[in-house]
């Protein structure tokens, strides 16, 4: 049977409507706070300050490690856990952090400096 062009369009629209879900070798961060936050993912194999991922996320924005080549490789080859950090400003010394593992969907629900943030892990998370 030969596929008609509209069949392909229907299938494509259906696939685009599916929510993104991290693979087992990915780690995704979501900012569910009302303010933009600087999110950092630490590389446990290197000295402090060697970030696998450093991204300012707007309110409601999600970013996955698989979107960054070095981060994707580290997630696939590094024993966990990784540390996720959140800061309000780029030059802040105080923020909050949480341990995460490959396959986790990490969501920050409320930002309160001095490690009092509210975190949520997705249904596929191991935490």
PDB file of N, CA and C in Angstrom:
ATOM      1  N   UNK A   1       0.838  -1.169   0.000  1.00  0.00           N
ATOM      2  CA  UNK A   1       0.000   0.000   0.000  1.00  0.00           C
ATOM      3  C   UNK A   1       0.890   1.241   0.000  1.00  0.00           C
ATOM      4  N   UNK A   2       0.582   2.184  -0.840  1.00  0.00           N
ATOM      5  CA  UNK A   2       1.347   3.416  -0.932  1.00  0.00           C
ATOM      6  C   UNK A   2       0.747   4.447   0.020  1.00  0.00           C
ATOM      7  N   UNK A   3       1.600   5.070   0.790  1.00  0.00           N
ATOM      8  CA  UNK A   3       1.152   6.075   1.757  1.00  0.00           C
ATOM      9  C   UNK A   3       0.759   7.356   1.042  1.00  0.00           C
ATOM     10  N   UNK A   4      -0.347   7.910   1.445  1.00  0.00           N
ATOM     11  CA  UNK A   4      -0.778   9.186   0.880  1.00  0.00           C
ATOM     12  C   UNK A   4      -0.138  10.307   1.686  1.00  0.00           C
ATOM     13  N   UNK A   5       0.133  11.462   1.054  1.00  0.00           N
ATOM     14  CA  UNK A   5       0.798  12.556   1.770  1.00  0.00           C
ATOM     15  C   UNK A   5       0.079  12.973   3.051  1.00  0.00           C
ATOM     16  N   UNK A   6      -1.236  12.938   3.066  1.00  0.00           N
ATOM     17  CA  UNK A   6      -1.939  13.383   4.271  1.00  0.00           C
ATOM     18  C   UNK A   6      -1.766  12.390   5.411  1.00  0.00           C
ATOM     19  N   UNK A   7      -1.531  11.080   5.073  1.00  0.00           N
ATOM     20  CA  UNK A   7      -1.241  10.095   6.123  1.00  0.00           C
ATOM     21  C   UNK A   7       0.047  10.460   6.857  1.00  0.00           C
ATOM     22  N   UNK A   8       1.065  10.819   6.088  1.00  0.00           N
ATOM     23  CA  UNK A   8       2.340  11.205   6.675  1.00  0.00           C
ATOM     24  C   UNK A   8       2.179  12.435   7.560  1.00  0.00           C
ATOM     25  N   UNK A   9       1.403  13.402   7.103  1.00  0.00           N
ATOM     26  CA  UNK A   9       1.184  14.631   7.879  1.00  0.00           C
ATOM     27  C   UNK A   9       0.466  14.322   9.195  1.00  0.00           C
ATOM     28  N   UNK A  10      -0.516  13.433   9.165  1.00  0.00           N
ATOM     29  CA  UNK A  10      -1.254  13.075  10.378  1.00  0.00           C
ATOM     30  C   UNK A  10      -0.326  12.398  11.381  1.00  0.00           C
ATOM     31  N   UNK A  11       0.521  11.488  10.900  1.00  0.00           N
ATOM     32  CA  UNK A  11       1.462  10.790  11.778  1.00  0.00           C
ATOM     33  C   UNK A  11       2.461  11.783  12.368  1.00  0.00           C
ATOM     34  N   UNK A  12       2.989  12.690  11.559  1.00  0.00           N
ATOM     35  CA  UNK A  12       3.950  13.677  12.030  1.00  0.00           C
ATOM     36  C   UNK A  12       3.337  14.579  13.092  1.00  0.00           C
ATOM     37  N   UNK A  13       2.120  15.051  12.884  1.00  0.00           N
ATOM     38  CA  UNK A  13       1.446  15.902  13.863  1.00  0.00           C
ATOM     39  C   UNK A  13       1.226  15.126  15.164  1.00  0.00           C
ATOM     40  N   UNK A  14       0.851  13.876  15.074  1.00  0.00           N
ATOM     41  CA  UNK A  14       0.634  13.058  16.270  1.00  0.00           C
ATOM     42  C   UNK A  14       1.941  12.885  17.051  1.00  0.00           C
ATOM     43  N   UNK A  15       3.054  12.664  16.369  1.00  0.00           N
ATOM     44  CA  UNK A  15       4.340  12.507  17.042  1.00  0.00           C
ATOM     45  C   UNK A  15       4.792  13.806  17.697  1.00  0.00           C
ATOM     46  N   UNK A  16       4.567  14.935  17.039  1.00  0.00           N
ATOM     47  CA  UNK A  16       4.950  16.228  17.598  1.00  0.00           C
ATOM     48  C   UNK A  16       4.132  16.578  18.832  1.00  0.00           C
ATOM     49  N   UNK A  17       2.942  16.035  18.944  1.00  0.00           N
ATOM     50  CA  UNK A  17       2.076  16.333  20.077  1.00  0.00           C
ATOM     51  C   UNK A  17       2.458  15.541  21.331  1.00  0.00           C
ATOM     52  N   UNK A  18       3.278  14.500  21.171  1.00  0.00           N
ATOM     53  CA  UNK A  18       3.685  13.695  22.325  1.00  0.00           C
ATOM     54  C   UNK A  18       4.629  14.499  23.209  1.00  0.00           C
ATOM     55  N   UNK A  19       4.511  14.384  24.537  1.00  0.00           N
ATOM     56  CA  UNK A  19       5.429  15.104  25.414  1.00  0.00           C
ATOM     57  C   UNK A  19       6.828  14.525  25.320  1.00  0.00           C
ATOM     58  N   UNK A  20       7.836  15.387  25.490  1.00  0.00           N
ATOM     59  CA  UNK A  20       9.220  14.915  25.472  1.00  0.00           C
ATOM     60  C   UNK A  20       9.492  14.134  26.751  1.00  0.00           C
ATOM     61  N   UNK A  21      10.131  13.017  26.611  1.00  0.00           N
ATOM     62  CA  UNK A  21      10.514  12.228  27.778  1.00  0.00           C
ATOM     63  C   UNK A  21      11.996  11.888  27.645  1.00  0.00           C
ATOM     64  N   UNK A  22      12.736  12.102  28.707  1.00  0.00           N
ATOM     65  CA  UNK A  22      14.170  11.845  28.685  1.00  0.00           C
ATOM     66  C   UNK A  22      14.440  10.363  28.500  1.00  0.00           C
ATOM     67  N   UNK A  23      15.507  10.071  27.779  1.00  0.00           N
ATOM     68  CA  UNK A  23      15.913   8.678  27.654  1.00  0.00           C
ATOM     69  C   UNK A  23      16.627   8.273  28.940  1.00  0.00           C
ATOM     70  N   UNK A  24      16.909   6.999  29.067  1.00  0.00           N
ATOM     71  CA  UNK A  24      17.571   6.509  30.281  1.00  0.00           C
ATOM     72  C   UNK A  24      18.958   7.121  30.446  1.00  0.00           C
ATOM     73  N   UNK A  25      19.553   7.590  29.355  1.00  0.00           N
ATOM     74  CA  UNK A  25      20.889   8.171  29.425  1.00  0.00           C
ATOM     75  C   UNK A  25      20.834   9.686  29.272  1.00  0.00           C
ATOM     76  N   UNK A  26      19.796  10.315  29.797  1.00  0.00           N
ATOM     77  CA  UNK A  26      19.650  11.756  29.707  1.00  0.00           C
ATOM     78  C   UNK A  26      19.334  12.289  31.102  1.00  0.00           C
ATOM     79  N   UNK A  27      19.431  13.577  31.258  1.00  0.00           N
ATOM     80  CA  UNK A  27      19.075  14.223  32.507  1.00  0.00           C
ATOM     81  C   UNK A  27      18.490  15.574  32.118  1.00  0.00           C
ATOM     82  N   UNK A  28      17.231  15.799  32.471  1.00  0.00           N
ATOM     83  CA  UNK A  28      16.549  17.028  32.074  1.00  0.00           C
ATOM     84  C   UNK A  28      16.231  17.893  33.288  1.00  0.00           C
ATOM     85  N   UNK A  29      16.358  19.206  33.104  1.00  0.00           N
ATOM     86  CA  UNK A  29      16.071  20.182  34.147  1.00  0.00           C
ATOM     87  C   UNK A  29      14.923  21.060  33.697  1.00  0.00           C
ATOM     88  N   UNK A  30      13.976  21.330  34.608  1.00  0.00           N
ATOM     89  CA  UNK A  30      12.856  22.208  34.296  1.00  0.00           C
ATOM     90  C   UNK A  30      12.733  23.277  35.379  1.00  0.00           C
ATOM     91  N   UNK A  31      12.571  24.522  34.935  1.00  0.00           N
ATOM     92  CA  UNK A  31      12.359  25.632  35.845  1.00  0.00           C
ATOM     93  C   UNK A  31      10.870  25.918  35.926  1.00  0.00           C
ATOM     94  N   UNK A  32      10.242  25.543  37.032  1.00  0.00           N
ATOM     95  CA  UNK A  32       8.809  25.798  37.235  1.00  0.00           C
ATOM     96  C   UNK A  32       8.581  26.955  38.196  1.00  0.00           C
ATOM     97  N   UNK A  33       9.595  27.767  38.415  1.00  0.00           N
ATOM     98  CA  UNK A  33       9.446  28.943  39.269  1.00  0.00           C
ATOM     99  C   UNK A  33       9.008  30.121  38.401  1.00  0.00           C
ATOM    100  N   UNK A  34       8.539  31.209  39.006  1.00  0.00           N
ATOM    101  CA  UNK A  34       8.138  32.367  38.202  1.00  0.00           C
ATOM    102  C   UNK A  34       9.317  33.184  37.662  1.00  0.00           C
ATOM    103  N   UNK A  35      10.532  32.967  38.199  1.00  0.00           N
ATOM    104  CA  UNK A  35      11.664  33.766  37.755  1.00  0.00           C
ATOM    105  C   UNK A  35      12.651  32.931  36.953  1.00  0.00           C
ATOM    106  N   UNK A  36      13.441  33.581  36.077  1.00  0.00           N
ATOM    107  CA  UNK A  36      14.504  32.849  35.377  1.00  0.00           C
ATOM    108  C   UNK A  36      15.591  32.453  36.373  1.00  0.00           C
ATOM    109  N   UNK A  37      16.206  31.299  36.153  1.00  0.00           N
ATOM    110  CA  UNK A  37      17.249  30.802  37.041  1.00  0.00           C
ATOM    111  C   UNK A  37      18.436  30.298  36.232  1.00  0.00           C
ATOM    112  N   UNK A  38      19.620  30.470  36.797  1.00  0.00           N
ATOM    113  CA  UNK A  38      20.818  29.885  36.217  1.00  0.00           C
ATOM    114  C   UNK A  38      20.923  28.457  36.748  1.00  0.00           C
ATOM    115  N   UNK A  39      20.914  27.487  35.853  1.00  0.00           N
ATOM    116  CA  UNK A  39      20.982  26.076  36.230  1.00  0.00           C
ATOM    117  C   UNK A  39      22.348  25.531  35.796  1.00  0.00           C
ATOM    118  N   UNK A  40      22.993  24.819  36.703  1.00  0.00           N
ATOM    119  CA  UNK A  40      24.307  24.251  36.446  1.00  0.00           C
ATOM    120  C   UNK A  40      24.277  22.760  36.749  1.00  0.00           C
ATOM    121  N   UNK A  41      24.998  22.000  35.957  1.00  0.00           N
ATOM    122  CA  UNK A  41      25.152  20.567  36.201  1.00  0.00           C
ATOM    123  C   UNK A  41      26.637  20.300  36.370  1.00  0.00           C
ATOM    124  N   UNK A  42      27.018  19.806  37.540  1.00  0.00           N
ATOM    125  CA  UNK A  42      28.409  19.582  37.894  1.00  0.00           C
ATOM    126  C   UNK A  42      28.944  18.312  37.251  1.00  0.00           C
ATOM    127  N   UNK A  43      30.217  18.337  36.879  1.00  0.00           N
ATOM    128  CA  UNK A  43      30.891  17.145  36.385  1.00  0.00           C
ATOM    129  C   UNK A  43      31.612  16.496  37.565  1.00  0.00           C
ATOM    130  N   UNK A  44      31.120  15.365  38.084  1.00  0.00           N
ATOM    131  CA  UNK A  44      31.718  14.760  39.286  1.00  0.00           C
ATOM    132  C   UNK A  44      33.137  14.242  39.079  1.00  0.00           C
ATOM    133  N   UNK A  45      33.579  14.105  37.831  1.00  0.00           N
ATOM    134  CA  UNK A  45      34.924  13.598  37.566  1.00  0.00           C
ATOM    135  C   UNK A  45      35.968  14.714  37.545  1.00  0.00           C
ATOM    136  N   UNK A  46      35.526  15.967  37.600  1.00  0.00           N
ATOM    137  CA  UNK A  46      36.463  17.081  37.481  1.00  0.00           C
ATOM    138  C   UNK A  46      36.367  17.987  38.690  1.00  0.00           C
ATOM    139  N   UNK A  47      37.263  18.969  38.751  1.00  0.00           N
ATOM    140  CA  UNK A  47      37.254  19.929  39.839  1.00  0.00           C
ATOM    141  C   UNK A  47      35.996  20.787  39.777  1.00  0.00           C
ATOM    142  N   UNK A  48      35.649  21.366  40.922  1.00  0.00           N
ATOM    143  CA  UNK A  48      34.490  22.260  40.979  1.00  0.00           C
ATOM    144  C   UNK A  48      34.639  23.377  39.950  1.00  0.00           C
ATOM    145  N   UNK A  49      33.549  23.765  39.374  1.00  0.00           N
ATOM    146  CA  UNK A  49      33.556  24.828  38.383  1.00  0.00           C
ATOM    147  C   UNK A  49      33.657  24.332  36.957  1.00  0.00           C
ATOM    148  N   UNK A  50      33.821  23.031  36.763  1.00  0.00           N
ATOM    149  CA  UNK A  50      33.799  22.440  35.421  1.00  0.00           C
ATOM    150  C   UNK A  50      32.387  21.947  35.149  1.00  0.00           C
ATOM    151  N   UNK A  51      31.595  22.812  34.591  1.00  0.00           N
ATOM    152  CA  UNK A  51      30.171  22.514  34.414  1.00  0.00           C
ATOM    153  C   UNK A  51      29.931  21.736  33.134  1.00  0.00           C
ATOM    154  N   UNK A  52      29.150  20.682  33.236  1.00  0.00           N
ATOM    155  CA  UNK A  52      28.702  19.958  32.047  1.00  0.00           C
ATOM    156  C   UNK A  52      27.657  20.775  31.309  1.00  0.00           C
ATOM    157  N   UNK A  53      26.886  21.504  32.089  1.00  0.00           N
ATOM    158  CA  UNK A  53      25.822  22.302  31.512  1.00  0.00           C
ATOM    159  C   UNK A  53      25.694  23.571  32.341  1.00  0.00           C
ATOM    160  N   UNK A  54      25.587  24.697  31.679  1.00  0.00           N
ATOM    161  CA  UNK A  54      25.379  25.995  32.340  1.00  0.00           C
ATOM    162  C   UNK A  54      24.382  26.733  31.471  1.00  0.00           C
ATOM    163  N   UNK A  55      23.158  26.861  31.973  1.00  0.00           N
ATOM    164  CA  UNK A  55      22.084  27.405  31.144  1.00  0.00           C
ATOM    165  C   UNK A  55      21.125  28.215  32.001  1.00  0.00           C
ATOM    166  N   UNK A  56      20.798  29.419  31.534  1.00  0.00           N
ATOM    167  CA  UNK A  56      19.762  30.224  32.191  1.00  0.00           C
ATOM    168  C   UNK A  56      18.430  29.777  31.608  1.00  0.00           C
ATOM    169  N   UNK A  57      17.570  29.278  32.500  1.00  0.00           N
ATOM    170  CA  UNK A  57      16.258  28.783  32.066  1.00  0.00           C
ATOM    171  C   UNK A  57      15.180  29.782  32.455  1.00  0.00           C
ATOM    172  N   UNK A  58      14.372  30.147  31.489  1.00  0.00           N
ATOM    173  CA  UNK A  58      13.218  31.001  31.753  1.00  0.00           C
ATOM    174  C   UNK A  58      12.166  30.203  32.504  1.00  0.00           C
ATOM    175  N   UNK A  59      11.219  30.896  33.080  1.00  0.00           N
ATOM    176  CA  UNK A  59      10.113  30.227  33.768  1.00  0.00           C
ATOM    177  C   UNK A  59       9.410  29.276  32.801  1.00  0.00           C
ATOM    178  N   UNK A  60       9.252  28.023  33.212  1.00  0.00           N
ATOM    179  CA  UNK A  60       8.573  27.030  32.379  1.00  0.00           C
ATOM    180  C   UNK A  60       9.473  26.325  31.375  1.00  0.00           C
ATOM    181  N   UNK A  61      10.715  26.734  31.241  1.00  0.00           N
ATOM    182  CA  UNK A  61      11.621  26.160  30.248  1.00  0.00           C
ATOM    183  C   UNK A  61      12.253  24.870  30.756  1.00  0.00           C
ATOM    184  N   UNK A  62      12.425  23.902  29.844  1.00  0.00           N
ATOM    185  CA  UNK A  62      13.106  22.636  30.122  1.00  0.00           C
ATOM    186  C   UNK A  62      14.330  22.540  29.231  1.00  0.00           C
ATOM    187  N   UNK A  63      15.401  22.000  29.777  1.00  0.00           N
ATOM    188  CA  UNK A  63      16.625  21.807  29.003  1.00  0.00           C
ATOM    189  C   UNK A  63      17.217  20.459  29.395  1.00  0.00           C
ATOM    190  N   UNK A  64      17.621  19.684  28.410  1.00  0.00           N
ATOM    191  CA  UNK A  64      18.152  18.343  28.667  1.00  0.00           C
ATOM    192  C   UNK A  64      19.636  18.266  28.348  1.00  0.00           C
ATOM    193  N   UNK A  65      20.307  17.442  29.087  1.00  0.00           N
ATOM    194  CA  UNK A  65      21.735  17.241  28.925  1.00  0.00           C
ATOM    195  C   UNK A  65      22.064  16.756  27.514  1.00  0.00           C
ATOM    196  N   UNK A  66      21.196  16.010  26.897  1.00  0.00           N
ATOM    197  CA  UNK A  66      21.453  15.486  25.556  1.00  0.00           C
ATOM    198  C   UNK A  66      21.577  16.597  24.518  1.00  0.00           C
ATOM    199  N   UNK A  67      21.173  17.835  24.861  1.00  0.00           N
ATOM    200  CA  UNK A  67      21.294  18.959  23.946  1.00  0.00           C
ATOM    201  C   UNK A  67      22.714  19.515  23.891  1.00  0.00           C
ATOM    202  N   UNK A  68      23.614  19.034  24.754  1.00  0.00           N
ATOM    203  CA  UNK A  68      25.000  19.505  24.824  1.00  0.00           C
ATOM    204  C   UNK A  68      25.904  18.289  24.645  1.00  0.00           C
ATOM    205  N   UNK A  69      26.765  18.296  23.624  1.00  0.00           N
ATOM    206  CA  UNK A  69      27.577  17.118  23.305  1.00  0.00           C
ATOM    207  C   UNK A  69      28.382  16.594  24.483  1.00  0.00           C
ATOM    208  N   UNK A  70      29.176  17.427  25.140  1.00  0.00           N
ATOM    209  CA  UNK A  70      29.999  16.971  26.253  1.00  0.00           C
ATOM    210  C   UNK A  70      29.172  16.445  27.406  1.00  0.00           C
ATOM    211  N   UNK A  71      28.035  17.060  27.619  1.00  0.00           N
ATOM    212  CA  UNK A  71      27.142  16.637  28.702  1.00  0.00           C
ATOM    213  C   UNK A  71      26.565  15.259  28.397  1.00  0.00           C
ATOM    214  N   UNK A  72      26.139  15.057  27.166  1.00  0.00           N
ATOM    215  CA  UNK A  72      25.560  13.769  26.762  1.00  0.00           C
ATOM    216  C   UNK A  72      26.578  12.650  26.985  1.00  0.00           C
ATOM    217  N   UNK A  73      27.817  12.868  26.577  1.00  0.00           N
ATOM    218  CA  UNK A  73      28.871  11.860  26.748  1.00  0.00           C
ATOM    219  C   UNK A  73      29.119  11.575  28.222  1.00  0.00           C
ATOM    220  N   UNK A  74      29.197  12.628  29.041  1.00  0.00           N
ATOM    221  CA  UNK A  74      29.460  12.446  30.473  1.00  0.00           C
ATOM    222  C   UNK A  74      28.334  11.671  31.154  1.00  0.00           C
ATOM    223  N   UNK A  75      27.089  11.973  30.794  1.00  0.00           N
ATOM    224  CA  UNK A  75      25.942  11.284  31.394  1.00  0.00           C
ATOM    225  C   UNK A  75      26.005   9.787  31.073  1.00  0.00           C
ATOM    226  N   UNK A  76      26.460   9.464  29.867  1.00  0.00           N
ATOM    227  CA  UNK A  76      26.504   8.066  29.452  1.00  0.00           C
ATOM    228  C   UNK A  76      27.685   7.307  30.051  1.00  0.00           C
ATOM    229  N   UNK A  77      28.732   8.026  30.500  1.00  0.00           N
ATOM    230  CA  UNK A  77      29.949   7.338  30.930  1.00  0.00           C
ATOM    231  C   UNK A  77      30.343   7.575  32.381  1.00  0.00           C
ATOM    232  N   UNK A  78      29.660   8.468  33.077  1.00  0.00           N
ATOM    233  CA  UNK A  78      30.051   8.824  34.437  1.00  0.00           C
ATOM    234  C   UNK A  78      29.149   8.157  35.456  1.00  0.00           C
ATOM    235  N   UNK A  79      29.737   7.583  36.500  1.00  0.00           N
ATOM    236  CA  UNK A  79      28.883   7.066  37.565  1.00  0.00           C
ATOM    237  C   UNK A  79      28.167   8.235  38.245  1.00  0.00           C
ATOM    238  N   UNK A  80      26.936   8.047  38.555  1.00  0.00           N
ATOM    239  CA  UNK A  80      26.165   9.110  39.178  1.00  0.00           C
ATOM    240  C   UNK A  80      26.426   9.118  40.672  1.00  0.00           C
ATOM    241  N   UNK A  81      26.010  10.051  41.428  1.00  0.00           N
ATOM    242  CA  UNK A  81      25.087  11.118  41.042  1.00  0.00           C
ATOM    243  C   UNK A  81      25.813  12.383  40.568  1.00  0.00           C
ATOM    244  N   UNK A  82      25.068  13.185  39.872  1.00  0.00           N
ATOM    245  CA  UNK A  82      25.487  14.509  39.454  1.00  0.00           C
ATOM    246  C   UNK A  82      24.835  15.503  40.414  1.00  0.00           C
ATOM    247  N   UNK A  83      25.377  16.706  40.493  1.00  0.00           N
ATOM    248  CA  UNK A  83      24.761  17.729  41.326  1.00  0.00           C
ATOM    249  C   UNK A  83      24.198  18.813  40.428  1.00  0.00           C
ATOM    250  N   UNK A  84      22.931  19.128  40.645  1.00  0.00           N
ATOM    251  CA  UNK A  84      22.245  20.203  39.925  1.00  0.00           C
ATOM    252  C   UNK A  84      22.211  21.406  40.859  1.00  0.00           C
ATOM    253  N   UNK A  85      22.613  22.560  40.346  1.00  0.00           N
ATOM    254  CA  UNK A  85      22.594  23.798  41.116  1.00  0.00           C
ATOM    255  C   UNK A  85      21.641  24.794  40.467  1.00  0.00           C
ATOM    256  N   UNK A  86      21.019  25.623  41.295  1.00  0.00           N
ATOM    257  CA  UNK A  86      20.161  26.704  40.805  1.00  0.00           C
ATOM    258  C   UNK A  86      20.575  27.998  41.502  1.00  0.00           C
ATOM    259  N   UNK A  87      20.719  29.059  40.722  1.00  0.00           N
ATOM    260  CA  UNK A  87      21.058  30.381  41.243  1.00  0.00           C
ATOM    261  C   UNK A  87      20.140  31.401  40.593  1.00  0.00           C
ATOM    262  N   UNK A  88      19.823  32.446  41.341  1.00  0.00           N
ATOM    263  CA  UNK A  88      18.984  33.501  40.795  1.00  0.00           C
ATOM    264  C   UNK A  88      19.774  34.393  39.833  1.00  0.00           C
ATOM    265  N   UNK A  89      21.028  34.704  40.206  1.00  0.00           N
ATOM    266  CA  UNK A  89      21.878  35.569  39.387  1.00  0.00           C
ATOM    267  C   UNK A  89      23.208  34.879  39.096  1.00  0.00           C
ATOM    268  N   UNK A  90      23.851  35.285  38.010  1.00  0.00           N
ATOM    269  CA  UNK A  90      25.108  34.663  37.599  1.00  0.00           C
ATOM    270  C   UNK A  90      26.207  34.782  38.635  1.00  0.00           C
ATOM    271  N   UNK A  91      26.233  35.869  39.405  1.00  0.00           N
ATOM    272  CA  UNK A  91      27.317  36.083  40.358  1.00  0.00           C
ATOM    273  C   UNK A  91      26.933  35.753  41.801  1.00  0.00           C
ATOM    274  N   UNK A  92      25.800  35.117  42.013  1.00  0.00           N
ATOM    275  CA  UNK A  92      25.374  34.741  43.366  1.00  0.00           C
ATOM    276  C   UNK A  92      26.278  33.641  43.932  1.00  0.00           C
ATOM    277  N   UNK A  93      26.521  33.718  45.226  1.00  0.00           N
ATOM    278  CA  UNK A  93      27.275  32.677  45.908  1.00  0.00           C
ATOM    279  C   UNK A  93      26.347  31.650  46.549  1.00  0.00           C
ATOM    280  N   UNK A  94      25.140  32.056  46.872  1.00  0.00           N
ATOM    281  CA  UNK A  94      24.174  31.164  47.513  1.00  0.00           C
ATOM    282  C   UNK A  94      23.043  30.820  46.549  1.00  0.00           C
ATOM    283  N   UNK A  95      22.743  29.566  46.510  1.00  0.00           N
ATOM    284  CA  UNK A  95      21.637  29.069  45.692  1.00  0.00           C
ATOM    285  C   UNK A  95      21.130  27.807  46.347  1.00  0.00           C
ATOM    286  N   UNK A  96      20.815  26.820  45.542  1.00  0.00           N
ATOM    287  CA  UNK A  96      20.433  25.527  46.110  1.00  0.00           C
ATOM    288  C   UNK A  96      20.861  24.426  45.160  1.00  0.00           C
ATOM    289  N   UNK A  97      20.900  23.213  45.686  1.00  0.00           N
ATOM    290  CA  UNK A  97      21.384  22.086  44.890  1.00  0.00           C
ATOM    291  C   UNK A  97      20.629  20.818  45.254  1.00  0.00           C
ATOM    292  N   UNK A  98      20.726  19.845  44.350  1.00  0.00           N
ATOM    293  CA  UNK A  98      20.104  18.544  44.559  1.00  0.00           C
ATOM    294  C   UNK A  98      20.897  17.508  43.752  1.00  0.00           C
ATOM    295  N   UNK A  99      20.972  16.292  44.259  1.00  0.00           N
ATOM    296  CA  UNK A  99      21.642  15.206  43.534  1.00  0.00           C
ATOM    297  C   UNK A  99      20.668  14.604  42.532  1.00  0.00           C
ATOM    298  N   UNK A 100      21.183  14.254  41.358  1.00  0.00           N
ATOM    299  CA  UNK A 100      20.344  13.672  40.307  1.00  0.00           C
ATOM    300  C   UNK A 100      21.137  12.587  39.588  1.00  0.00           C
ATOM    301  N   UNK A 101      20.411  11.676  38.978  1.00  0.00           N
ATOM    302  CA  UNK A 101      21.010  10.559  38.258  1.00  0.00           C
ATOM    303  C   UNK A 101      20.577  10.586  36.790  1.00  0.00           C
ATOM    304  N   UNK A 102      21.364   9.951  35.910  1.00  0.00           N
ATOM    305  CA  UNK A 102      20.935   9.850  34.519  1.00  0.00           C
ATOM    306  C   UNK A 102      19.532   9.245  34.441  1.00  0.00           C
ATOM    307  N   UNK A 103      18.708   9.804  33.596  1.00  0.00           N
ATOM    308  CA  UNK A 103      17.325   9.369  33.463  1.00  0.00           C
ATOM    309  C   UNK A 103      16.356  10.194  34.282  1.00  0.00           C
ATOM    310  N   UNK A 104      16.874  11.048  35.159  1.00  0.00           N
ATOM    311  CA  UNK A 104      16.003  11.879  36.002  1.00  0.00           C
ATOM    312  C   UNK A 104      15.471  13.085  35.235  1.00  0.00           C
ATOM    313  N   UNK A 105      14.243  13.421  35.529  1.00  0.00           N
ATOM    314  CA  UNK A 105      13.643  14.687  35.119  1.00  0.00           C
ATOM    315  C   UNK A 105      13.575  15.499  36.406  1.00  0.00           C
ATOM    316  N   UNK A 106      14.407  16.530  36.520  1.00  0.00           N
ATOM    317  CA  UNK A 106      14.500  17.319  37.740  1.00  0.00           C
ATOM    318  C   UNK A 106      13.783  18.639  37.522  1.00  0.00           C
ATOM    319  N   UNK A 107      12.835  18.920  38.382  1.00  0.00           N
ATOM    320  CA  UNK A 107      12.035  20.142  38.268  1.00  0.00           C
ATOM    321  C   UNK A 107      12.198  20.964  39.538  1.00  0.00           C
ATOM    322  N   UNK A 108      12.526  22.236  39.382  1.00  0.00           N
ATOM    323  CA  UNK A 108      12.581  23.124  40.539  1.00  0.00           C
ATOM    324  C   UNK A 108      11.240  23.842  40.620  1.00  0.00           C
ATOM    325  N   UNK A 109      10.542  23.628  41.725  1.00  0.00           N
ATOM    326  CA  UNK A 109       9.187  24.155  41.913  1.00  0.00           C
ATOM    327  C   UNK A 109       9.192  25.530  42.570  1.00  0.00           C
ATOM    328  N   UNK A 110      10.139  25.770  43.480  1.00  0.00           N
ATOM    329  CA  UNK A 110      10.238  27.060  44.172  1.00  0.00           C
ATOM    330  C   UNK A 110      11.700  27.320  44.484  1.00  0.00           C
ATOM    331  N   UNK A 111      12.154  28.541  44.211  1.00  0.00           N
ATOM    332  CA  UNK A 111      13.533  28.902  44.492  1.00  0.00           C
ATOM    333  C   UNK A 111      13.599  29.719  45.770  1.00  0.00           C
ATOM    334  N   UNK A 112      14.367  29.224  46.726  1.00  0.00           N
ATOM    335  CA  UNK A 112      14.654  29.942  47.968  1.00  0.00           C
ATOM    336  C   UNK A 112      16.145  29.708  48.220  1.00  0.00           C
ATOM    337  N   UNK A 113      16.934  30.775  48.228  1.00  0.00           N
ATOM    338  CA  UNK A 113      18.377  30.634  48.398  1.00  0.00           C
ATOM    339  C   UNK A 113      18.707  29.928  49.710  1.00  0.00           C
ATOM    340  N   UNK A 114      19.952  29.548  49.841  1.00  0.00           N
ATOM    341  CA  UNK A 114      20.471  28.855  51.025  1.00  0.00           C
ATOM    342  C   UNK A 114      19.926  27.428  51.131  1.00  0.00           C
ATOM    343  N   UNK A 115      19.864  26.755  49.998  1.00  0.00           N
ATOM    344  CA  UNK A 115      19.466  25.339  49.943  1.00  0.00           C
ATOM    345  C   UNK A 115      18.091  25.043  50.536  1.00  0.00           C
ATOM    346  N   UNK A 116      17.143  25.918  50.272  1.00  0.00           N
ATOM    347  CA  UNK A 116      15.776  25.657  50.728  1.00  0.00           C
ATOM    348  C   UNK A 116      14.806  25.605  49.538  1.00  0.00           C
ATOM    349  N   UNK A 117      15.293  25.187  48.400  1.00  0.00           N
ATOM    350  CA  UNK A 117      14.441  25.095  47.216  1.00  0.00           C
ATOM    351  C   UNK A 117      13.528  23.874  47.319  1.00  0.00           C
ATOM    352  N   UNK A 118      12.482  23.897  46.555  1.00  0.00           N
ATOM    353  CA  UNK A 118      11.555  22.764  46.475  1.00  0.00           C
ATOM    354  C   UNK A 118      11.767  22.102  45.123  1.00  0.00           C
ATOM    355  N   UNK A 119      12.189  20.840  45.149  1.00  0.00           N
ATOM    356  CA  UNK A 119      12.488  20.076  43.938  1.00  0.00           C
ATOM    357  C   UNK A 119      11.455  18.974  43.762  1.00  0.00           C
ATOM    358  N   UNK A 120      11.249  18.598  42.522  1.00  0.00           N
ATOM    359  CA  UNK A 120      10.351  17.484  42.208  1.00  0.00           C
ATOM    360  C   UNK A 120      11.048  16.626  41.151  1.00  0.00           C
ATOM    361  N   UNK A 121      10.925  15.314  41.281  1.00  0.00           N
ATOM    362  CA  UNK A 121      11.499  14.395  40.304  1.00  0.00           C
ATOM    363  C   UNK A 121      10.372  13.750  39.510  1.00  0.00           C
ATOM    364  N   UNK A 122      10.625  13.565  38.205  1.00  0.00           N
ATOM    365  CA  UNK A 122       9.628  12.972  37.321  1.00  0.00           C
ATOM    366  C   UNK A 122       9.373  11.507  37.635  1.00  0.00           C
ATOM    367  N   UNK A 123       8.338  10.930  36.994  1.00  0.00           N
ATOM    368  CA  UNK A 123       7.937   9.547  37.294  1.00  0.00           C
ATOM    369  C   UNK A 123       8.989   8.510  36.945  1.00  0.00           C
ATOM    370  N   UNK A 124       9.910   8.818  36.019  1.00  0.00           N
ATOM    371  CA  UNK A 124      10.931   7.850  35.640  1.00  0.00           C
ATOM    372  C   UNK A 124      12.197   7.989  36.461  1.00  0.00           C
ATOM    373  N   UNK A 125      12.204   8.927  37.399  1.00  0.00           N
ATOM    374  CA  UNK A 125      13.412   9.199  38.181  1.00  0.00           C
ATOM    375  C   UNK A 125      13.670   8.109  39.203  1.00  0.00           C
ATOM    376  N   UNK A 126      14.953   7.960  39.537  1.00  0.00           N
ATOM    377  CA  UNK A 126      15.359   6.914  40.481  1.00  0.00           C
ATOM    378  C   UNK A 126      15.468   7.444  41.898  1.00  0.00           C
ATOM    379  N   UNK A 127      15.258   8.741  42.109  1.00  0.00           N
ATOM    380  CA  UNK A 127      15.366   9.339  43.452  1.00  0.00           C
ATOM    381  C   UNK A 127      14.085   9.176  44.239  1.00  0.00           C
TER     382      UNK A 127
END
